[in-house]
Structure formats: structure tokens, C-alpha cells
Amino acid sequence: MAPTDHDHVVPVWIYVAVLIALLVLLVLTLVTAFFDLDARFHSAHLNMGVAVFIAMCKAFLIILFFMHVKYSSRVVWAFAGAAFVWLGILMTLTLTDYITRPQAPTVAVSPYVPAPAEAPGPR
């Protein structure tokens, strides 16, 4: 089958560059997971926001290059954009539910379990 005007051959260096970018974003995700940004910047959900932003960047790279949306027609762009908008709506609704819930206590104490007795120590 002869190539037509619609076929596009992607050079290997683009795939390598996208792979390196995805690996850098993976390392960035791991680095931010070990830092408590919420306590440092006095925010409630900064860690989660940064993680979601990095995940969206990785998804955007994968959709553009590995799914060949970048070189597709405008109809494919429209459907991919609609899918991204729908994903954004779902993430917004999910995260607003998560953010508006009260924080769980750090130590759960049941009223049905008696408090532990003091251990006898040296006097």
C-alpha cells in the first residue's frame, strides 16, 4: 500500500523525547510524593493538586504522541478534546466531593473499647 498525503511517519527521536519527558514527570511525581507540600505552604490539598496536574500532563503527552492525535484530523481533535473536557468534569466533581469531606481523626477511639490501663513501672 502506497503512502498517501494523510499518512505521517513520526521520527524515532520524537518518541525518545516523549519517553524522556514521561520519565522526568514520573521522577517529579515521586519527588513530590515525599515532600509534604500541604504543611510547607499551609494548604489543604496542594499535594493532591500537584499530583493530578502531573498526571494530566502525562496523559496529554500520551494522547498527543502515542495515540497520534497530534497528526490527526480536526474531527479526532474535537473528540479527543471532548473526552478531555469530560474527564475534567469527572475529576472536578470527584475532587470537590473529596475536598469537602471532613478530615478523619488521626487516632480513632472507640467508645466501646476501654482505655488501656497504666503499665506498672518501677517506683
PDB file of N, CA and C in Angstrom:
ATOM      1  N   MET A   1       0.842  -1.172   0.000  1.00  0.00           N
ATOM      2  CA  MET A   1       0.000   0.000   0.000  1.00  0.00           C
ATOM      3  C   MET A   1       0.890   1.240   0.000  1.00  0.00           C
ATOM      4  N   ALA A   2       0.670   2.104  -0.924  1.00  0.00           N
ATOM      5  CA  ALA A   2       1.483   3.306  -1.047  1.00  0.00           C
ATOM      6  C   ALA A   2       1.024   4.353  -0.039  1.00  0.00           C
ATOM      7  N   PRO A   3       1.973   5.099   0.531  1.00  0.00           N
ATOM      8  CA  PRO A   3       1.573   6.147   1.476  1.00  0.00           C
ATOM      9  C   PRO A   3       0.820   7.261   0.766  1.00  0.00           C
ATOM     10  N   THR A   4      -0.151   7.796   1.460  1.00  0.00           N
ATOM     11  CA  THR A   4      -0.937   8.904   0.920  1.00  0.00           C
ATOM     12  C   THR A   4      -0.545  10.199   1.614  1.00  0.00           C
ATOM     13  N   ASP A   5      -1.251  11.252   1.276  1.00  0.00           N
ATOM     14  CA  ASP A   5      -0.968  12.535   1.912  1.00  0.00           C
ATOM     15  C   ASP A   5      -1.349  12.539   3.382  1.00  0.00           C
ATOM     16  N   HIS A   6      -2.200  11.618   3.794  1.00  0.00           N
ATOM     17  CA  HIS A   6      -2.688  11.593   5.171  1.00  0.00           C
ATOM     18  C   HIS A   6      -1.787  10.792   6.098  1.00  0.00           C
ATOM     19  N   ASP A   7      -0.916   9.982   5.547  1.00  0.00           N
ATOM     20  CA  ASP A   7      -0.015   9.198   6.390  1.00  0.00           C
ATOM     21  C   ASP A   7       1.093  10.102   6.918  1.00  0.00           C
ATOM     22  N   HIS A   8       1.479   9.833   8.145  1.00  0.00           N
ATOM     23  CA  HIS A   8       2.536  10.627   8.755  1.00  0.00           C
ATOM     24  C   HIS A   8       3.477   9.671   9.472  1.00  0.00           C
ATOM     25  N   VAL A   9       4.740   9.767   9.165  1.00  0.00           N
ATOM     26  CA  VAL A   9       5.746   8.941   9.806  1.00  0.00           C
ATOM     27  C   VAL A   9       6.428   9.783  10.864  1.00  0.00           C
ATOM     28  N   VAL A  10       6.354   9.304  12.089  1.00  0.00           N
ATOM     29  CA  VAL A  10       6.936  10.040  13.208  1.00  0.00           C
ATOM     30  C   VAL A  10       8.373   9.580  13.398  1.00  0.00           C
ATOM     31  N   PRO A  11       9.316  10.514  13.457  1.00  0.00           N
ATOM     32  CA  PRO A  11      10.710  10.112  13.684  1.00  0.00           C
ATOM     33  C   PRO A  11      10.890   9.484  15.069  1.00  0.00           C
ATOM     34  N   VAL A  12      11.867   8.630  15.167  1.00  0.00           N
ATOM     35  CA  VAL A  12      12.108   7.916  16.420  1.00  0.00           C
ATOM     36  C   VAL A  12      12.525   8.878  17.526  1.00  0.00           C
ATOM     37  N   TRP A  13      13.231   9.946  17.180  1.00  0.00           N
ATOM     38  CA  TRP A  13      13.705  10.861  18.224  1.00  0.00           C
ATOM     39  C   TRP A  13      12.552  11.533  18.958  1.00  0.00           C
ATOM     40  N   ILE A  14      11.408  11.675  18.301  1.00  0.00           N
ATOM     41  CA  ILE A  14      10.243  12.258  18.985  1.00  0.00           C
ATOM     42  C   ILE A  14       9.737  11.292  20.049  1.00  0.00           C
ATOM     43  N   TYR A  15       9.682  10.013  19.703  1.00  0.00           N
ATOM     44  CA  TYR A  15       9.259   9.021  20.700  1.00  0.00           C
ATOM     45  C   TYR A  15      10.234   8.966  21.874  1.00  0.00           C
ATOM     46  N   VAL A  16      11.517   9.076  21.579  1.00  0.00           N
ATOM     47  CA  VAL A  16      12.525   9.065  22.642  1.00  0.00           C
ATOM     48  C   VAL A  16      12.379  10.316  23.514  1.00  0.00           C
ATOM     49  N   ALA A  17      12.135  11.462  22.904  1.00  0.00           N
ATOM     50  CA  ALA A  17      11.957  12.699  23.673  1.00  0.00           C
ATOM     51  C   ALA A  17      10.708  12.627  24.548  1.00  0.00           C
ATOM     52  N   VAL A  18       9.627  12.058  24.019  1.00  0.00           N
ATOM     53  CA  VAL A  18       8.406  11.918  24.820  1.00  0.00           C
ATOM     54  C   VAL A  18       8.639  10.923  25.956  1.00  0.00           C
ATOM     55  N   LEU A  19       9.373   9.847  25.676  1.00  0.00           N
ATOM     56  CA  LEU A  19       9.694   8.885  26.726  1.00  0.00           C
ATOM     57  C   LEU A  19      10.508   9.538  27.835  1.00  0.00           C
ATOM     58  N   ILE A  20      11.494  10.339  27.465  1.00  0.00           N
ATOM     59  CA  ILE A  20      12.305  11.032  28.474  1.00  0.00           C
ATOM     60  C   ILE A  20      11.440  12.012  29.266  1.00  0.00           C
ATOM     61  N   ALA A  21      10.548  12.725  28.583  1.00  0.00           N
ATOM     62  CA  ALA A  21       9.649  13.650  29.294  1.00  0.00           C
ATOM     63  C   ALA A  21       8.741  12.901  30.260  1.00  0.00           C
ATOM     64  N   LEU A  22       8.237  11.740  29.849  1.00  0.00           N
ATOM     65  CA  LEU A  22       7.391  10.944  30.747  1.00  0.00           C
ATOM     66  C   LEU A  22       8.187  10.433  31.945  1.00  0.00           C
ATOM     67  N   LEU A  23       9.436  10.044  31.720  1.00  0.00           N
ATOM     68  CA  LEU A  23      10.263   9.594  32.838  1.00  0.00           C
ATOM     69  C   LEU A  23      10.592  10.741  33.786  1.00  0.00           C
ATOM     70  N   VAL A  24      10.826  11.927  33.245  1.00  0.00           N
ATOM     71  CA  VAL A  24      11.071  13.097  34.100  1.00  0.00           C
ATOM     72  C   VAL A  24       9.829  13.406  34.934  1.00  0.00           C
ATOM     73  N   LEU A  25       8.652  13.327  34.312  1.00  0.00           N
ATOM     74  CA  LEU A  25       7.413  13.569  35.056  1.00  0.00           C
ATOM     75  C   LEU A  25       7.178  12.490  36.110  1.00  0.00           C
ATOM     76  N   LEU A  26       7.584  11.255  35.808  1.00  0.00           N
ATOM     77  CA  LEU A  26       7.485  10.185  36.810  1.00  0.00           C
ATOM     78  C   LEU A  26       8.366  10.482  38.010  1.00  0.00           C
ATOM     79  N   VAL A  27       9.608  10.897  37.753  1.00  0.00           N
ATOM     80  CA  VAL A  27      10.511  11.249  38.851  1.00  0.00           C
ATOM     81  C   VAL A  27       9.964  12.441  39.629  1.00  0.00           C
ATOM     82  N   LEU A  28       9.404  13.420  38.925  1.00  0.00           N
ATOM     83  CA  LEU A  28       8.808  14.573  39.589  1.00  0.00           C
ATOM     84  C   LEU A  28       7.634  14.152  40.481  1.00  0.00           C
ATOM     85  N   THR A  29       6.851  13.197  40.015  1.00  0.00           N
ATOM     86  CA  THR A  29       5.757  12.673  40.832  1.00  0.00           C
ATOM     87  C   THR A  29       6.294  12.013  42.095  1.00  0.00           C
ATOM     88  N   LEU A  30       7.342  11.219  41.949  1.00  0.00           N
ATOM     89  CA  LEU A  30       7.926  10.557  43.117  1.00  0.00           C
ATOM     90  C   LEU A  30       8.537  11.556  44.094  1.00  0.00           C
ATOM     91  N   VAL A  31       9.200  12.580  43.570  1.00  0.00           N
ATOM     92  CA  VAL A  31       9.809  13.586  44.443  1.00  0.00           C
ATOM     93  C   VAL A  31       8.735  14.346  45.220  1.00  0.00           C
ATOM     94  N   THR A  32       7.667  14.741  44.539  1.00  0.00           N
ATOM     95  CA  THR A  32       6.617  15.481  45.239  1.00  0.00           C
ATOM     96  C   THR A  32       5.849  14.601  46.214  1.00  0.00           C
ATOM     97  N   ALA A  33       5.869  13.298  46.014  1.00  0.00           N
ATOM     98  CA  ALA A  33       5.182  12.405  46.955  1.00  0.00           C
ATOM     99  C   ALA A  33       5.905  12.351  48.296  1.00  0.00           C
ATOM    100  N   PHE A  34       7.207  12.603  48.297  1.00  0.00           N
ATOM    101  CA  PHE A  34       7.970  12.535  49.542  1.00  0.00           C
ATOM    102  C   PHE A  34       8.049  13.863  50.286  1.00  0.00           C
ATOM    103  N   PHE A  35       7.568  14.947  49.675  1.00  0.00           N
ATOM    104  CA  PHE A  35       7.536  16.244  50.333  1.00  0.00           C
ATOM    105  C   PHE A  35       6.110  16.573  50.741  1.00  0.00           C
ATOM    106  N   ASP A  36       5.956  17.071  51.945  1.00  0.00           N
ATOM    107  CA  ASP A  36       4.634  17.468  52.426  1.00  0.00           C
ATOM    108  C   ASP A  36       4.405  18.925  52.055  1.00  0.00           C
ATOM    109  N   LEU A  37       3.904  19.134  50.847  1.00  0.00           N
ATOM    110  CA  LEU A  37       3.662  20.496  50.376  1.00  0.00           C
ATOM    111  C   LEU A  37       2.528  21.162  51.140  1.00  0.00           C
ATOM    112  N   ASP A  38       1.584  20.363  51.643  1.00  0.00           N
ATOM    113  CA  ASP A  38       0.463  20.928  52.388  1.00  0.00           C
ATOM    114  C   ASP A  38       0.943  21.648  53.646  1.00  0.00           C
ATOM    115  N   ALA A  39       1.880  21.041  54.365  1.00  0.00           N
ATOM    116  CA  ALA A  39       2.377  21.667  55.597  1.00  0.00           C
ATOM    117  C   ALA A  39       3.315  22.832  55.278  1.00  0.00           C
ATOM    118  N   ARG A  40       4.092  22.708  54.210  1.00  0.00           N
ATOM    119  CA  ARG A  40       5.069  23.747  53.887  1.00  0.00           C
ATOM    120  C   ARG A  40       4.406  25.035  53.432  1.00  0.00           C
ATOM    121  N   PHE A  41       3.355  24.926  52.620  1.00  0.00           N
ATOM    122  CA  PHE A  41       2.700  26.110  52.076  1.00  0.00           C
ATOM    123  C   PHE A  41       1.354  26.395  52.735  1.00  0.00           C
ATOM    124  N   HIS A  42       1.065  25.739  53.828  1.00  0.00           N
ATOM    125  CA  HIS A  42      -0.166  25.941  54.601  1.00  0.00           C
ATOM    126  C   HIS A  42      -1.400  25.808  53.714  1.00  0.00           C
ATOM    127  N   SER A  43      -1.430  24.745  52.964  1.00  0.00           N
ATOM    128  CA  SER A  43      -2.534  24.482  52.057  1.00  0.00           C
ATOM    129  C   SER A  43      -3.214  23.191  52.484  1.00  0.00           C
ATOM    130  N   ALA A  44      -4.435  23.012  52.032  1.00  0.00           N
ATOM    131  CA  ALA A  44      -5.166  21.822  52.432  1.00  0.00           C
ATOM    132  C   ALA A  44      -4.933  20.647  51.493  1.00  0.00           C
ATOM    133  N   HIS A  45      -4.835  20.895  50.184  1.00  0.00           N
ATOM    134  CA  HIS A  45      -4.766  19.797  49.223  1.00  0.00           C
ATOM    135  C   HIS A  45      -3.773  20.084  48.104  1.00  0.00           C
ATOM    136  N   LEU A  46      -2.651  20.660  48.430  1.00  0.00           N
ATOM    137  CA  LEU A  46      -1.672  21.014  47.405  1.00  0.00           C
ATOM    138  C   LEU A  46      -0.991  19.782  46.822  1.00  0.00           C
ATOM    139  N   ASN A  47      -0.655  18.798  47.666  1.00  0.00           N
ATOM    140  CA  ASN A  47      -0.023  17.567  47.170  1.00  0.00           C
ATOM    141  C   ASN A  47      -0.904  16.885  46.129  1.00  0.00           C
ATOM    142  N   MET A  48      -2.185  16.795  46.434  1.00  0.00           N
ATOM    143  CA  MET A  48      -3.106  16.130  45.513  1.00  0.00           C
ATOM    144  C   MET A  48      -3.231  16.934  44.221  1.00  0.00           C
ATOM    145  N   GLY A  49      -3.288  18.239  44.315  1.00  0.00           N
ATOM    146  CA  GLY A  49      -3.394  19.076  43.128  1.00  0.00           C
ATOM    147  C   GLY A  49      -2.182  18.959  42.224  1.00  0.00           C
ATOM    148  N   VAL A  50      -0.995  18.931  42.817  1.00  0.00           N
ATOM    149  CA  VAL A  50       0.232  18.783  42.030  1.00  0.00           C
ATOM    150  C   VAL A  50       0.265  17.406  41.372  1.00  0.00           C
ATOM    151  N   ALA A  51      -0.125  16.368  42.097  1.00  0.00           N
ATOM    152  CA  ALA A  51      -0.132  15.013  41.531  1.00  0.00           C
ATOM    153  C   ALA A  51      -1.119  14.898  40.372  1.00  0.00           C
ATOM    154  N   VAL A  52      -2.280  15.497  40.501  1.00  0.00           N
ATOM    155  CA  VAL A  52      -3.271  15.454  39.422  1.00  0.00           C
ATOM    156  C   VAL A  52      -2.774  16.247  38.218  1.00  0.00           C
ATOM    157  N   PHE A  53      -2.133  17.388  38.446  1.00  0.00           N
ATOM    158  CA  PHE A  53      -1.607  18.184  37.343  1.00  0.00           C
ATOM    159  C   PHE A  53      -0.526  17.417  36.579  1.00  0.00           C
ATOM    160  N   ILE A  54       0.371  16.750  37.288  1.00  0.00           N
ATOM    161  CA  ILE A  54       1.419  15.972  36.631  1.00  0.00           C
ATOM    162  C   ILE A  54       0.804  14.804  35.863  1.00  0.00           C
ATOM    163  N   ALA A  55      -0.204  14.169  36.430  1.00  0.00           N
ATOM    164  CA  ALA A  55      -0.873  13.060  35.738  1.00  0.00           C
ATOM    165  C   ALA A  55      -1.566  13.541  34.475  1.00  0.00           C
ATOM    166  N   MET A  56      -2.168  14.713  34.523  1.00  0.00           N
ATOM    167  CA  MET A  56      -2.815  15.258  33.329  1.00  0.00           C
ATOM    168  C   MET A  56      -1.773  15.591  32.246  1.00  0.00           C
ATOM    169  N   CYS A  57      -0.608  16.093  32.642  1.00  0.00           N
ATOM    170  CA  CYS A  57       0.459  16.360  31.675  1.00  0.00           C
ATOM    171  C   CYS A  57       0.927  15.073  31.006  1.00  0.00           C
ATOM    172  N   LYS A  58       1.081  14.014  31.798  1.00  0.00           N
ATOM    173  CA  LYS A  58       1.488  12.730  31.223  1.00  0.00           C
ATOM    174  C   LYS A  58       0.417  12.193  30.281  1.00  0.00           C
ATOM    175  N   ALA A  59      -0.832  12.312  30.663  1.00  0.00           N
ATOM    176  CA  ALA A  59      -1.923  11.848  29.795  1.00  0.00           C
ATOM    177  C   ALA A  59      -1.956  12.653  28.503  1.00  0.00           C
ATOM    178  N   PHE A  60      -1.716  13.947  28.590  1.00  0.00           N
ATOM    179  CA  PHE A  60      -1.702  14.803  27.405  1.00  0.00           C
ATOM    180  C   PHE A  60      -0.594  14.383  26.437  1.00  0.00           C
ATOM    181  N   LEU A  61       0.594  14.100  26.956  1.00  0.00           N
ATOM    182  CA  LEU A  61       1.693  13.646  26.100  1.00  0.00           C
ATOM    183  C   LEU A  61       1.371  12.314  25.434  1.00  0.00           C
ATOM    184  N   ILE A  62       0.811  11.402  26.194  1.00  0.00           N
ATOM    185  CA  ILE A  62       0.475  10.088  25.642  1.00  0.00           C
ATOM    186  C   ILE A  62      -0.588  10.210  24.566  1.00  0.00           C
ATOM    187  N   ILE A  63      -1.606  11.026  24.821  1.00  0.00           N
ATOM    188  CA  ILE A  63      -2.676  11.193  23.831  1.00  0.00           C
ATOM    189  C   ILE A  63      -2.138  11.843  22.566  1.00  0.00           C
ATOM    190  N   LEU A  64      -1.319  12.871  22.707  1.00  0.00           N
ATOM    191  CA  LEU A  64      -0.812  13.573  21.527  1.00  0.00           C
ATOM    192  C   LEU A  64       0.103  12.716  20.663  1.00  0.00           C
ATOM    193  N   PHE A  65       1.078  12.056  21.296  1.00  0.00           N
ATOM    194  CA  PHE A  65       2.117  11.417  20.504  1.00  0.00           C
ATOM    195  C   PHE A  65       1.900   9.915  20.316  1.00  0.00           C
ATOM    196  N   PHE A  66       1.599   9.186  21.382  1.00  0.00           N
ATOM    197  CA  PHE A  66       1.474   7.739  21.236  1.00  0.00           C
ATOM    198  C   PHE A  66       0.146   7.334  20.613  1.00  0.00           C
ATOM    199  N   MET A  67      -0.869   8.163  20.748  1.00  0.00           N
ATOM    200  CA  MET A  67      -2.144   7.876  20.099  1.00  0.00           C
ATOM    201  C   MET A  67      -2.290   8.647  18.784  1.00  0.00           C
ATOM    202  N   HIS A  68      -1.255   9.376  18.395  1.00  0.00           N
ATOM    203  CA  HIS A  68      -1.166  10.084  17.116  1.00  0.00           C
ATOM    204  C   HIS A  68      -2.281  11.110  16.901  1.00  0.00           C
ATOM    205  N   VAL A  69      -2.784  11.687  17.976  1.00  0.00           N
ATOM    206  CA  VAL A  69      -3.813  12.714  17.828  1.00  0.00           C
ATOM    207  C   VAL A  69      -3.214  13.994  17.246  1.00  0.00           C
ATOM    208  N   LYS A  70      -1.948  14.229  17.507  1.00  0.00           N
ATOM    209  CA  LYS A  70      -1.302  15.443  17.008  1.00  0.00           C
ATOM    210  C   LYS A  70      -1.337  15.509  15.484  1.00  0.00           C
ATOM    211  N   TYR A  71      -1.256  14.379  14.839  1.00  0.00           N
ATOM    212  CA  TYR A  71      -1.196  14.346  13.375  1.00  0.00           C
ATOM    213  C   TYR A  71      -2.526  13.937  12.759  1.00  0.00           C
ATOM    214  N   SER A  72      -3.600  13.967  13.507  1.00  0.00           N
ATOM    215  CA  SER A  72      -4.910  13.532  13.023  1.00  0.00           C
ATOM    216  C   SER A  72      -5.731  14.714  12.523  1.00  0.00           C
ATOM    217  N   SER A  73      -6.913  14.381  12.032  1.00  0.00           N
ATOM    218  CA  SER A  73      -7.807  15.419  11.505  1.00  0.00           C
ATOM    219  C   SER A  73      -8.450  16.198  12.654  1.00  0.00           C
ATOM    220  N   ARG A  74      -9.131  17.253  12.296  1.00  0.00           N
ATOM    221  CA  ARG A  74      -9.777  18.107  13.298  1.00  0.00           C
ATOM    222  C   ARG A  74     -10.928  17.390  13.991  1.00  0.00           C
ATOM    223  N   VAL A  75     -11.541  16.426  13.330  1.00  0.00           N
ATOM    224  CA  VAL A  75     -12.627  15.665  13.971  1.00  0.00           C
ATOM    225  C   VAL A  75     -12.068  14.846  15.135  1.00  0.00           C
ATOM    226  N   VAL A  76     -10.906  14.242  14.927  1.00  0.00           N
ATOM    227  CA  VAL A  76     -10.268  13.478  16.000  1.00  0.00           C
ATOM    228  C   VAL A  76      -9.868  14.407  17.141  1.00  0.00           C
ATOM    229  N   TRP A  77      -9.372  15.593  16.800  1.00  0.00           N
ATOM    230  CA  TRP A  77      -9.037  16.587  17.829  1.00  0.00           C
ATOM    231  C   TRP A  77     -10.282  16.963  18.637  1.00  0.00           C
ATOM    232  N   ALA A  78     -11.409  17.124  17.945  1.00  0.00           N
ATOM    233  CA  ALA A  78     -12.644  17.505  18.638  1.00  0.00           C
ATOM    234  C   ALA A  78     -13.084  16.408  19.606  1.00  0.00           C
ATOM    235  N   PHE A  79     -13.029  15.161  19.161  1.00  0.00           N
ATOM    236  CA  PHE A  79     -13.449  14.075  20.046  1.00  0.00           C
ATOM    237  C   PHE A  79     -12.462  13.866  21.194  1.00  0.00           C
ATOM    238  N   ALA A  80     -11.181  14.005  20.924  1.00  0.00           N
ATOM    239  CA  ALA A  80     -10.194  13.894  21.996  1.00  0.00           C
ATOM    240  C   ALA A  80     -10.353  15.043  22.991  1.00  0.00           C
ATOM    241  N   GLY A  81     -10.619  16.244  22.475  1.00  0.00           N
ATOM    242  CA  GLY A  81     -10.867  17.378  23.369  1.00  0.00           C
ATOM    243  C   GLY A  81     -12.128  17.196  24.193  1.00  0.00           C
ATOM    244  N   ALA A  82     -13.175  16.640  23.567  1.00  0.00           N
ATOM    245  CA  ALA A  82     -14.410  16.378  24.309  1.00  0.00           C
ATOM    246  C   ALA A  82     -14.172  15.349  25.405  1.00  0.00           C
ATOM    247  N   ALA A  83     -13.355  14.353  25.112  1.00  0.00           N
ATOM    248  CA  ALA A  83     -13.033  13.359  26.137  1.00  0.00           C
ATOM    249  C   ALA A  83     -12.253  13.993  27.282  1.00  0.00           C
ATOM    250  N   PHE A  84     -11.341  14.900  26.957  1.00  0.00           N
ATOM    251  CA  PHE A  84     -10.575  15.590  27.998  1.00  0.00           C
ATOM    252  C   PHE A  84     -11.477  16.492  28.833  1.00  0.00           C
ATOM    253  N   VAL A  85     -12.420  17.167  28.197  1.00  0.00           N
ATOM    254  CA  VAL A  85     -13.370  18.009  28.939  1.00  0.00           C
ATOM    255  C   VAL A  85     -14.216  17.142  29.865  1.00  0.00           C
ATOM    256  N   TRP A  86     -14.677  16.010  29.359  1.00  0.00           N
ATOM    257  CA  TRP A  86     -15.480  15.106  30.190  1.00  0.00           C
ATOM    258  C   TRP A  86     -14.657  14.576  31.370  1.00  0.00           C
ATOM    259  N   LEU A  87     -13.398  14.246  31.119  1.00  0.00           N
ATOM    260  CA  LEU A  87     -12.518  13.808  32.206  1.00  0.00           C
ATOM    261  C   LEU A  87     -12.344  14.928  33.223  1.00  0.00           C
ATOM    262  N   GLY A  88     -12.218  16.159  32.748  1.00  0.00           N
ATOM    263  CA  GLY A  88     -12.101  17.293  33.664  1.00  0.00           C
ATOM    264  C   GLY A  88     -13.345  17.481  34.512  1.00  0.00           C
ATOM    265  N   ILE A  89     -14.520  17.285  33.911  1.00  0.00           N
ATOM    266  CA  ILE A  89     -15.768  17.384  34.687  1.00  0.00           C
ATOM    267  C   ILE A  89     -15.811  16.309  35.758  1.00  0.00           C
ATOM    268  N   LEU A  90     -15.472  15.077  35.385  1.00  0.00           N
ATOM    269  CA  LEU A  90     -15.488  13.983  36.359  1.00  0.00           C
ATOM    270  C   LEU A  90     -14.476  14.210  37.476  1.00  0.00           C
ATOM    271  N   MET A  91     -13.272  14.685  37.117  1.00  0.00           N
ATOM    272  CA  MET A  91     -12.261  14.946  38.145  1.00  0.00           C
ATOM    273  C   MET A  91     -12.709  16.083  39.065  1.00  0.00           C
ATOM    274  N   THR A  92     -13.309  17.118  38.501  1.00  0.00           N
ATOM    275  CA  THR A  92     -13.773  18.235  39.312  1.00  0.00           C
ATOM    276  C   THR A  92     -14.843  17.785  40.300  1.00  0.00           C
ATOM    277  N   LEU A  93     -15.800  17.013  39.824  1.00  0.00           N
ATOM    278  CA  LEU A  93     -16.856  16.543  40.729  1.00  0.00           C
ATOM    279  C   LEU A  93     -16.305  15.610  41.807  1.00  0.00           C
ATOM    280  N   THR A  94     -15.381  14.736  41.408  1.00  0.00           N
ATOM    281  CA  THR A  94     -14.795  13.817  42.384  1.00  0.00           C
ATOM    282  C   THR A  94     -13.966  14.558  43.415  1.00  0.00           C
ATOM    283  N   LEU A  95     -13.146  15.498  42.959  1.00  0.00           N
ATOM    284  CA  LEU A  95     -12.276  16.210  43.894  1.00  0.00           C
ATOM    285  C   LEU A  95     -13.049  17.168  44.789  1.00  0.00           C
ATOM    286  N   THR A  96     -14.136  17.755  44.294  1.00  0.00           N
ATOM    287  CA  THR A  96     -14.932  18.603  45.178  1.00  0.00           C
ATOM    288  C   THR A  96     -15.597  17.764  46.260  1.00  0.00           C
ATOM    289  N   ASP A  97     -16.001  16.548  45.935  1.00  0.00           N
ATOM    290  CA  ASP A  97     -16.542  15.667  46.968  1.00  0.00           C
ATOM    291  C   ASP A  97     -15.462  15.313  47.983  1.00  0.00           C
ATOM    292  N   TYR A  98     -14.258  15.030  47.508  1.00  0.00           N
ATOM    293  CA  TYR A  98     -13.163  14.657  48.390  1.00  0.00           C
ATOM    294  C   TYR A  98     -12.733  15.825  49.276  1.00  0.00           C
ATOM    295  N   ILE A  99     -12.655  17.015  48.704  1.00  0.00           N
ATOM    296  CA  ILE A  99     -12.168  18.170  49.457  1.00  0.00           C
ATOM    297  C   ILE A  99     -13.180  18.630  50.501  1.00  0.00           C
ATOM    298  N   THR A 100     -14.475  18.493  50.221  1.00  0.00           N
ATOM    299  CA  THR A 100     -15.479  18.988  51.158  1.00  0.00           C
ATOM    300  C   THR A 100     -15.782  18.029  52.293  1.00  0.00           C
ATOM    301  N   ARG A 101     -15.216  16.840  52.279  1.00  0.00           N
ATOM    302  CA  ARG A 101     -15.438  15.909  53.390  1.00  0.00           C
ATOM    303  C   ARG A 101     -14.601  16.322  54.585  1.00  0.00           C
ATOM    304  N   PRO A 102     -15.120  16.066  55.793  1.00  0.00           N
ATOM    305  CA  PRO A 102     -14.310  16.397  56.973  1.00  0.00           C
ATOM    306  C   PRO A 102     -13.107  15.464  57.069  1.00  0.00           C
ATOM    307  N   GLN A 103     -12.044  15.988  57.623  1.00  0.00           N
ATOM    308  CA  GLN A 103     -10.830  15.199  57.762  1.00  0.00           C
ATOM    309  C   GLN A 103     -11.027  14.134  58.832  1.00  0.00           C
ATOM    310  N   ALA A 104     -10.505  12.950  58.577  1.00  0.00           N
ATOM    311  CA  ALA A 104     -10.605  11.853  59.543  1.00  0.00           C
ATOM    312  C   ALA A 104      -9.675  12.140  60.719  1.00  0.00           C
ATOM    313  N   PRO A 105     -10.070  11.750  61.919  1.00  0.00           N
ATOM    314  CA  PRO A 105      -9.174  11.957  63.067  1.00  0.00           C
ATOM    315  C   PRO A 105      -7.930  11.091  62.922  1.00  0.00           C
ATOM    316  N   THR A 106      -6.841  11.573  63.495  1.00  0.00           N
ATOM    317  CA  THR A 106      -5.595  10.823  63.368  1.00  0.00           C
ATOM    318  C   THR A 106      -5.609   9.562  64.218  1.00  0.00           C
ATOM    319  N   VAL A 107      -6.262   9.610  65.376  1.00  0.00           N
ATOM    320  CA  VAL A 107      -6.356   8.438  66.240  1.00  0.00           C
ATOM    321  C   VAL A 107      -7.839   8.194  66.485  1.00  0.00           C
ATOM    322  N   ALA A 108      -8.315   7.066  66.022  1.00  0.00           N
ATOM    323  CA  ALA A 108      -9.718   6.731  66.216  1.00  0.00           C
ATOM    324  C   ALA A 108      -9.877   6.027  67.558  1.00  0.00           C
ATOM    325  N   VAL A 109     -10.756   6.561  68.389  1.00  0.00           N
ATOM    326  CA  VAL A 109     -11.013   5.974  69.700  1.00  0.00           C
ATOM    327  C   VAL A 109     -12.456   5.518  69.719  1.00  0.00           C
ATOM    328  N   SER A 110     -12.643   4.250  69.968  1.00  0.00           N
ATOM    329  CA  SER A 110     -13.989   3.697  70.028  1.00  0.00           C
ATOM    330  C   SER A 110     -14.531   3.828  71.448  1.00  0.00           C
ATOM    331  N   PRO A 111     -15.787   4.227  71.610  1.00  0.00           N
ATOM    332  CA  PRO A 111     -16.341   4.328  72.955  1.00  0.00           C
ATOM    333  C   PRO A 111     -16.579   2.957  73.583  1.00  0.00           C
ATOM    334  N   TYR A 112     -16.522   1.904  72.798  1.00  0.00           N
ATOM    335  CA  TYR A 112     -16.793   0.562  73.312  1.00  0.00           C
ATOM    336  C   TYR A 112     -15.551  -0.160  73.788  1.00  0.00           C
ATOM    337  N   VAL A 113     -14.386   0.372  73.480  1.00  0.00           N
ATOM    338  CA  VAL A 113     -13.146  -0.255  73.927  1.00  0.00           C
ATOM    339  C   VAL A 113     -12.641   0.516  75.137  1.00  0.00           C
ATOM    340  N   PRO A 114     -12.419  -0.172  76.256  1.00  0.00           N
ATOM    341  CA  PRO A 114     -11.925   0.554  77.429  1.00  0.00           C
ATOM    342  C   PRO A 114     -10.503   1.069  77.208  1.00  0.00           C
ATOM    343  N   ALA A 115     -10.198   2.163  77.869  1.00  0.00           N
ATOM    344  CA  ALA A 115      -8.871   2.759  77.762  1.00  0.00           C
ATOM    345  C   ALA A 115      -7.847   1.794  78.362  1.00  0.00           C
ATOM    346  N   PRO A 116      -6.656   1.725  77.801  1.00  0.00           N
ATOM    347  CA  PRO A 116      -5.650   0.819  78.355  1.00  0.00           C
ATOM    348  C   PRO A 116      -5.208   1.268  79.731  1.00  0.00           C
ATOM    349  N   ALA A 117      -5.013   0.295  80.591  1.00  0.00           N
ATOM    350  CA  ALA A 117      -4.578   0.581  81.961  1.00  0.00           C
ATOM    351  C   ALA A 117      -3.113   0.958  81.934  1.00  0.00           C
ATOM    352  N   GLU A 118      -2.740   1.753  82.946  1.00  0.00           N
ATOM    353  CA  GLU A 118      -1.334   2.136  83.025  1.00  0.00           C
ATOM    354  C   GLU A 118      -0.497   0.912  83.380  1.00  0.00           C
ATOM    355  N   ALA A 119       0.607   0.808  82.681  1.00  0.00           N
ATOM    356  CA  ALA A 119       1.510  -0.311  82.957  1.00  0.00           C
ATOM    357  C   ALA A 119       2.274  -0.017  84.234  1.00  0.00           C
ATOM    358  N   PRO A 120       2.365  -1.046  85.085  1.00  0.00           N
ATOM    359  CA  PRO A 120       3.135  -0.807  86.326  1.00  0.00           C
ATOM    360  C   PRO A 120       4.604  -0.597  85.995  1.00  0.00           C
ATOM    361  N   GLY A 121       5.159   0.420  86.535  1.00  0.00           N
ATOM    362  CA  GLY A 121       6.555   0.733  86.288  1.00  0.00           C
ATOM    363  C   GLY A 121       7.340   0.701  87.596  1.00  0.00           C
ATOM    364  N   PRO A 122       8.598   0.892  87.488  1.00  0.00           N
ATOM    365  CA  PRO A 122       9.415   0.914  88.721  1.00  0.00           C
ATOM    366  C   PRO A 122       9.075   2.140  89.570  1.00  0.00           C
ATOM    367  N   ARG A 123       9.019   1.920  90.866  1.00  0.00           N
ATOM    368  CA  ARG A 123       8.680   3.016  91.798  1.00  0.00           C
ATOM    369  C   ARG A 123       9.838   3.434  92.611  1.00  0.00           C
TER     370      ARG A 123
END
